[in-house]
């Protein structure tokens, strides 16, 4: 038996434009219907043996000769990285939290997230140790007897001189105009600095 497609502009109410106005005696299993309201689009399939209680918009019973026939709202495919589909948009708060894996971020949410990135992940090291310096201008580097960087001379610029303690940790940096002095805790982590 052929299935019939219906088009309506309302769900319930019994008027000729509503889905529930279709006489149940004219409906067959797997008939389908599209309902386009002012702001939503629904797709339904008729289940001739459902008998479920009406609960709009999910389940709609014909107003006349319903029997067990029910219009069942059909789910839309969700969008994924592998297919097109419906997506739920993340609120700004969800975007800032950055923990939801099932919603799509909007430009507004992205802007808000970048403005409030939060703490760096717990696996980020507290200290960084570098064997060389990446520089954007030409220059030279000199090293002390322990192969630690001692001075950085930038072409057409200043020379930075580093002083270290007996363990090789930087104590101060000077460019002949000012000196940055570092304060460390017992684990040699930098806790503060001063400029003179």
C-alpha atoms as a PDB file:
ATOM      1  CA  UNK A   1       0.000   0.000   0.000  1.00  0.00           C
ATOM      2  CA  UNK A   2       1.275   3.415  -0.924  1.00  0.00           C
ATOM      3  CA  UNK A   3       2.029   5.858   1.857  1.00  0.00           C
ATOM      4  CA  UNK A   4       0.660   9.376   1.779  1.00  0.00           C
ATOM      5  CA  UNK A   5       2.534  12.552   2.724  1.00  0.00           C
ATOM      6  CA  UNK A   6       0.692  15.395   4.423  1.00  0.00           C
ATOM      7  CA  UNK A   7       1.671  19.016   4.927  1.00  0.00           C
ATOM      8  CA  UNK A   8       0.251  21.058   7.797  1.00  0.00           C
ATOM      9  CA  UNK A   9       1.037  24.297   9.586  1.00  0.00           C
ATOM     10  CA  UNK A  10      -0.115  23.355  13.097  1.00  0.00           C
ATOM     11  CA  UNK A  11       0.103  20.375  15.450  1.00  0.00           C
ATOM     12  CA  UNK A  12      -3.061  20.159  17.525  1.00  0.00           C
ATOM     13  CA  UNK A  13      -6.303  22.104  17.701  1.00  0.00           C
ATOM     14  CA  UNK A  14      -8.528  20.246  15.254  1.00  0.00           C
ATOM     15  CA  UNK A  15      -8.605  22.918  12.558  1.00  0.00           C
ATOM     16  CA  UNK A  16      -8.022  21.879   8.955  1.00  0.00           C
ATOM     17  CA  UNK A  17      -4.438  23.184   9.120  1.00  0.00           C
ATOM     18  CA  UNK A  18      -3.558  21.031  12.174  1.00  0.00           C
ATOM     19  CA  UNK A  19      -2.036  17.560  12.039  1.00  0.00           C
ATOM     20  CA  UNK A  20      -4.629  16.105  14.412  1.00  0.00           C
ATOM     21  CA  UNK A  21      -7.443  17.090  12.039  1.00  0.00           C
ATOM     22  CA  UNK A  22      -6.709  14.207   9.645  1.00  0.00           C
ATOM     23  CA  UNK A  23      -9.342  11.457  10.069  1.00  0.00           C
ATOM     24  CA  UNK A  24      -7.752   8.312  11.453  1.00  0.00           C
ATOM     25  CA  UNK A  25      -9.810   6.133   9.061  1.00  0.00           C
ATOM     26  CA  UNK A  26      -7.868   7.623   6.119  1.00  0.00           C
ATOM     27  CA  UNK A  27      -4.449   6.999   7.642  1.00  0.00           C
ATOM     28  CA  UNK A  28      -2.181   4.025   7.018  1.00  0.00           C
ATOM     29  CA  UNK A  29       0.898   2.792   8.817  1.00  0.00           C
ATOM     30  CA  UNK A  30       4.048   4.703   7.774  1.00  0.00           C
ATOM     31  CA  UNK A  31       2.160   7.650   6.265  1.00  0.00           C
ATOM     32  CA  UNK A  32       4.236  10.712   6.973  1.00  0.00           C
ATOM     33  CA  UNK A  33       3.596  14.381   7.560  1.00  0.00           C
ATOM     34  CA  UNK A  34       5.529  17.614   7.597  1.00  0.00           C
ATOM     35  CA  UNK A  35       4.397  20.399   9.893  1.00  0.00           C
ATOM     36  CA  UNK A  36       5.814  23.869   9.347  1.00  0.00           C
ATOM     37  CA  UNK A  37       4.813  26.329  12.054  1.00  0.00           C
ATOM     38  CA  UNK A  38       5.929  29.937  12.160  1.00  0.00           C
ATOM     39  CA  UNK A  39       9.290  29.013  13.717  1.00  0.00           C
ATOM     40  CA  UNK A  40       9.675  25.211  13.674  1.00  0.00           C
ATOM     41  CA  UNK A  41       9.737  22.274  11.273  1.00  0.00           C
ATOM     42  CA  UNK A  42       8.526  18.818  12.337  1.00  0.00           C
ATOM     43  CA  UNK A  43       8.564  15.436  10.598  1.00  0.00           C
ATOM     44  CA  UNK A  44       6.120  12.687  11.652  1.00  0.00           C
ATOM     45  CA  UNK A  45       5.526   9.037  10.752  1.00  0.00           C
ATOM     46  CA  UNK A  46       2.231   7.318  11.507  1.00  0.00           C
ATOM     47  CA  UNK A  47       2.347   4.265  13.759  1.00  0.00           C
ATOM     48  CA  UNK A  48      -0.950   2.414  13.306  1.00  0.00           C
ATOM     49  CA  UNK A  49      -0.571   0.258  16.440  1.00  0.00           C
ATOM     50  CA  UNK A  50       1.067   2.683  18.910  1.00  0.00           C
ATOM     51  CA  UNK A  51      -1.860   3.501  21.199  1.00  0.00           C
ATOM     52  CA  UNK A  52       0.421   5.831  23.211  1.00  0.00           C
ATOM     53  CA  UNK A  53      -1.033   8.728  25.171  1.00  0.00           C
ATOM     54  CA  UNK A  54      -0.972  11.988  23.249  1.00  0.00           C
ATOM     55  CA  UNK A  55       1.908  14.264  24.223  1.00  0.00           C
ATOM     56  CA  UNK A  56       2.473  17.058  21.729  1.00  0.00           C
ATOM     57  CA  UNK A  57       4.771  17.513  19.932  1.00  0.00           C
ATOM     58  CA  UNK A  58       6.182  13.984  20.376  1.00  0.00           C
ATOM     59  CA  UNK A  59       2.961  11.985  19.997  1.00  0.00           C
ATOM     60  CA  UNK A  60      -0.195  13.287  18.310  1.00  0.00           C
ATOM     61  CA  UNK A  61      -3.479  11.386  18.074  1.00  0.00           C
ATOM     62  CA  UNK A  62      -6.031  12.114  15.336  1.00  0.00           C
ATOM     63  CA  UNK A  63      -9.102  13.878  16.717  1.00  0.00           C
ATOM     64  CA  UNK A  64     -11.426  11.588  14.745  1.00  0.00           C
ATOM     65  CA  UNK A  65     -11.300   7.754  14.574  1.00  0.00           C
ATOM     66  CA  UNK A  66      -7.878   7.616  16.188  1.00  0.00           C
ATOM     67  CA  UNK A  67      -7.955   4.041  17.467  1.00  0.00           C
ATOM     68  CA  UNK A  68      -4.314   3.163  18.162  1.00  0.00           C
ATOM     69  CA  UNK A  69      -3.003   5.369  15.361  1.00  0.00           C
ATOM     70  CA  UNK A  70      -0.499   7.994  16.444  1.00  0.00           C
ATOM     71  CA  UNK A  71       1.726  10.480  14.693  1.00  0.00           C
ATOM     72  CA  UNK A  72       5.241   9.936  16.081  1.00  0.00           C
ATOM     73  CA  UNK A  73       7.739  12.779  15.877  1.00  0.00           C
ATOM     74  CA  UNK A  74      10.862  11.634  14.028  1.00  0.00           C
ATOM     75  CA  UNK A  75      14.286  12.520  15.393  1.00  0.00           C
ATOM     76  CA  UNK A  76      16.702  14.495  13.261  1.00  0.00           C
ATOM     77  CA  UNK A  77      20.226  13.228  12.797  1.00  0.00           C
ATOM     78  CA  UNK A  78      22.685  15.027  14.997  1.00  0.00           C
ATOM     79  CA  UNK A  79      25.612  16.689  13.304  1.00  0.00           C
ATOM     80  CA  UNK A  80      29.034  15.171  13.911  1.00  0.00           C
ATOM     81  CA  UNK A  81      32.517  15.637  12.526  1.00  0.00           C
ATOM     82  CA  UNK A  82      31.604  12.957   9.978  1.00  0.00           C
ATOM     83  CA  UNK A  83      28.139  14.087   8.797  1.00  0.00           C
ATOM     84  CA  UNK A  84      25.805  17.034   8.407  1.00  0.00           C
ATOM     85  CA  UNK A  85      22.936  17.321  10.879  1.00  0.00           C
ATOM     86  CA  UNK A  86      21.332  19.316  13.643  1.00  0.00           C
ATOM     87  CA  UNK A  87      23.612  20.941  16.183  1.00  0.00           C
ATOM     88  CA  UNK A  88      22.928  22.347  19.603  1.00  0.00           C
ATOM     89  CA  UNK A  89      24.661  25.694  20.088  1.00  0.00           C
ATOM     90  CA  UNK A  90      26.732  26.253  23.188  1.00  0.00           C
ATOM     91  CA  UNK A  91      25.870  29.170  25.435  1.00  0.00           C
ATOM     92  CA  UNK A  92      28.620  31.672  26.231  1.00  0.00           C
ATOM     93  CA  UNK A  93      28.950  30.111  29.690  1.00  0.00           C
ATOM     94  CA  UNK A  94      29.378  26.648  28.146  1.00  0.00           C
ATOM     95  CA  UNK A  95      32.009  27.979  25.743  1.00  0.00           C
ATOM     96  CA  UNK A  96      33.982  29.596  28.574  1.00  0.00           C
ATOM     97  CA  UNK A  97      33.813  26.416  30.675  1.00  0.00           C
ATOM     98  CA  UNK A  98      35.172  24.471  27.712  1.00  0.00           C
ATOM     99  CA  UNK A  99      34.027  21.056  28.960  1.00  0.00           C
ATOM    100  CA  UNK A 100      30.994  20.226  26.769  1.00  0.00           C
ATOM    101  CA  UNK A 101      31.699  17.827  23.897  1.00  0.00           C
ATOM    102  CA  UNK A 102      28.229  17.743  22.315  1.00  0.00           C
ATOM    103  CA  UNK A 103      27.546  21.373  21.394  1.00  0.00           C
ATOM    104  CA  UNK A 104      28.844  23.728  18.718  1.00  0.00           C
ATOM    105  CA  UNK A 105      30.540  26.966  19.686  1.00  0.00           C
ATOM    106  CA  UNK A 106      29.436  30.263  18.137  1.00  0.00           C
ATOM    107  CA  UNK A 107      31.681  33.221  17.219  1.00  0.00           C
ATOM    108  CA  UNK A 108      30.386  35.016  20.331  1.00  0.00           C
ATOM    109  CA  UNK A 109      31.267  32.026  22.487  1.00  0.00           C
ATOM    110  CA  UNK A 110      34.717  31.716  20.919  1.00  0.00           C
ATOM    111  CA  UNK A 111      35.456  35.391  21.538  1.00  0.00           C
ATOM    112  CA  UNK A 112      34.371  35.004  25.167  1.00  0.00           C
ATOM    113  CA  UNK A 113      36.466  31.859  25.584  1.00  0.00           C
ATOM    114  CA  UNK A 114      39.579  33.559  24.220  1.00  0.00           C
ATOM    115  CA  UNK A 115      38.978  36.501  26.551  1.00  0.00           C
ATOM    116  CA  UNK A 116      38.793  34.160  29.563  1.00  0.00           C
ATOM    117  CA  UNK A 117      41.023  31.161  28.796  1.00  0.00           C
ATOM    118  CA  UNK A 118      41.271  30.006  32.407  1.00  0.00           C
ATOM    119  CA  UNK A 119      44.232  28.225  33.936  1.00  0.00           C
ATOM    120  CA  UNK A 120      46.737  26.330  31.865  1.00  0.00           C
ATOM    121  CA  UNK A 121      46.385  22.569  32.206  1.00  0.00           C
ATOM    122  CA  UNK A 122      47.845  20.815  35.213  1.00  0.00           C
ATOM    123  CA  UNK A 123      50.433  19.025  33.091  1.00  0.00           C
ATOM    124  CA  UNK A 124      52.134  22.299  32.151  1.00  0.00           C
ATOM    125  CA  UNK A 125      55.562  22.473  33.838  1.00  0.00           C
ATOM    126  CA  UNK A 126      56.125  25.189  36.391  1.00  0.00           C
ATOM    127  CA  UNK A 127      59.632  25.952  35.149  1.00  0.00           C
ATOM    128  CA  UNK A 128      61.232  26.101  31.729  1.00  0.00           C
ATOM    129  CA  UNK A 129      64.864  25.355  30.994  1.00  0.00           C
ATOM    130  CA  UNK A 130      66.378  26.454  27.693  1.00  0.00           C
ATOM    131  CA  UNK A 131      69.680  25.549  26.123  1.00  0.00           C
ATOM    132  CA  UNK A 132      69.610  28.390  23.605  1.00  0.00           C
ATOM    133  CA  UNK A 133      67.784  31.607  22.816  1.00  0.00           C
ATOM    134  CA  UNK A 134      65.528  32.117  19.824  1.00  0.00           C
ATOM    135  CA  UNK A 135      66.019  35.667  18.594  1.00  0.00           C
ATOM    136  CA  UNK A 136      64.246  37.797  16.015  1.00  0.00           C
ATOM    137  CA  UNK A 137      67.264  40.053  15.368  1.00  0.00           C
ATOM    138  CA  UNK A 138      70.797  39.043  14.536  1.00  0.00           C
ATOM    139  CA  UNK A 139      73.201  38.927  17.423  1.00  0.00           C
ATOM    140  CA  UNK A 140      75.652  36.833  19.354  1.00  0.00           C
ATOM    141  CA  UNK A 141      75.638  34.750  22.507  1.00  0.00           C
ATOM    142  CA  UNK A 142      78.572  34.183  24.826  1.00  0.00           C
ATOM    143  CA  UNK A 143      78.789  31.403  27.356  1.00  0.00           C
ATOM    144  CA  UNK A 144      80.642  30.987  30.606  1.00  0.00           C
ATOM    145  CA  UNK A 145      82.975  28.118  31.587  1.00  0.00           C
ATOM    146  CA  UNK A 146      79.951  25.955  32.462  1.00  0.00           C
ATOM    147  CA  UNK A 147      78.446  26.528  28.994  1.00  0.00           C
ATOM    148  CA  UNK A 148      75.634  28.654  30.465  1.00  0.00           C
ATOM    149  CA  UNK A 149      74.513  31.684  28.464  1.00  0.00           C
ATOM    150  CA  UNK A 150      76.273  34.695  29.959  1.00  0.00           C
ATOM    151  CA  UNK A 151      75.522  37.544  27.552  1.00  0.00           C
ATOM    152  CA  UNK A 152      73.152  38.135  24.649  1.00  0.00           C
ATOM    153  CA  UNK A 153      74.312  40.882  22.303  1.00  0.00           C
ATOM    154  CA  UNK A 154      71.684  42.018  19.821  1.00  0.00           C
ATOM    155  CA  UNK A 155      72.914  43.690  16.637  1.00  0.00           C
ATOM    156  CA  UNK A 156      72.072  47.410  16.727  1.00  0.00           C
ATOM    157  CA  UNK A 157      70.650  46.898  20.190  1.00  0.00           C
ATOM    158  CA  UNK A 158      71.560  46.243  23.821  1.00  0.00           C
ATOM    159  CA  UNK A 159      73.585  43.573  25.474  1.00  0.00           C
ATOM    160  CA  UNK A 160      71.876  41.519  28.157  1.00  0.00           C
ATOM    161  CA  UNK A 161      74.149  40.161  30.866  1.00  0.00           C
ATOM    162  CA  UNK A 162      73.009  37.285  33.074  1.00  0.00           C
ATOM    163  CA  UNK A 163      74.462  36.558  36.518  1.00  0.00           C
ATOM    164  CA  UNK A 164      73.971  33.160  38.129  1.00  0.00           C
ATOM    165  CA  UNK A 165      74.299  31.579  41.546  1.00  0.00           C
ATOM    166  CA  UNK A 166      76.631  28.672  42.337  1.00  0.00           C
ATOM    167  CA  UNK A 167      74.008  26.211  41.048  1.00  0.00           C
ATOM    168  CA  UNK A 168      73.680  27.946  37.695  1.00  0.00           C
ATOM    169  CA  UNK A 169      70.300  29.551  38.334  1.00  0.00           C
ATOM    170  CA  UNK A 170      69.863  33.080  36.981  1.00  0.00           C
ATOM    171  CA  UNK A 171      69.993  35.690  39.745  1.00  0.00           C
ATOM    172  CA  UNK A 172      69.752  38.858  37.698  1.00  0.00           C
ATOM    173  CA  UNK A 173      69.592  40.236  34.164  1.00  0.00           C
ATOM    174  CA  UNK A 174      70.943  43.648  33.231  1.00  0.00           C
ATOM    175  CA  UNK A 175      70.947  45.654  30.000  1.00  0.00           C
ATOM    176  CA  UNK A 176      73.233  48.442  31.374  1.00  0.00           C
ATOM    177  CA  UNK A 177      70.185  50.654  31.948  1.00  0.00           C
ATOM    178  CA  UNK A 178      68.244  48.559  34.416  1.00  0.00           C
ATOM    179  CA  UNK A 179      68.661  45.323  36.339  1.00  0.00           C
ATOM    180  CA  UNK A 180      66.056  42.676  36.988  1.00  0.00           C
ATOM    181  CA  UNK A 181      66.794  40.773  40.202  1.00  0.00           C
ATOM    182  CA  UNK A 182      65.036  37.433  40.712  1.00  0.00           C
ATOM    183  CA  UNK A 183      63.906  35.972  44.036  1.00  0.00           C
ATOM    184  CA  UNK A 184      63.673  32.184  44.352  1.00  0.00           C
ATOM    185  CA  UNK A 185      62.222  29.786  46.914  1.00  0.00           C
ATOM    186  CA  UNK A 186      64.001  26.772  48.410  1.00  0.00           C
ATOM    187  CA  UNK A 187      63.205  24.764  45.258  1.00  0.00           C
ATOM    188  CA  UNK A 188      64.781  27.480  43.094  1.00  0.00           C
ATOM    189  CA  UNK A 189      61.441  28.494  41.578  1.00  0.00           C
ATOM    190  CA  UNK A 190      61.119  32.193  40.775  1.00  0.00           C
ATOM    191  CA  UNK A 191      58.705  33.791  43.240  1.00  0.00           C
ATOM    192  CA  UNK A 192      59.296  37.489  42.580  1.00  0.00           C
ATOM    193  CA  UNK A 193      61.514  39.983  40.817  1.00  0.00           C
ATOM    194  CA  UNK A 194      62.507  43.571  41.227  1.00  0.00           C
ATOM    195  CA  UNK A 195      63.714  46.187  38.753  1.00  0.00           C
ATOM    196  CA  UNK A 196      66.290  48.832  39.586  1.00  0.00           C
END
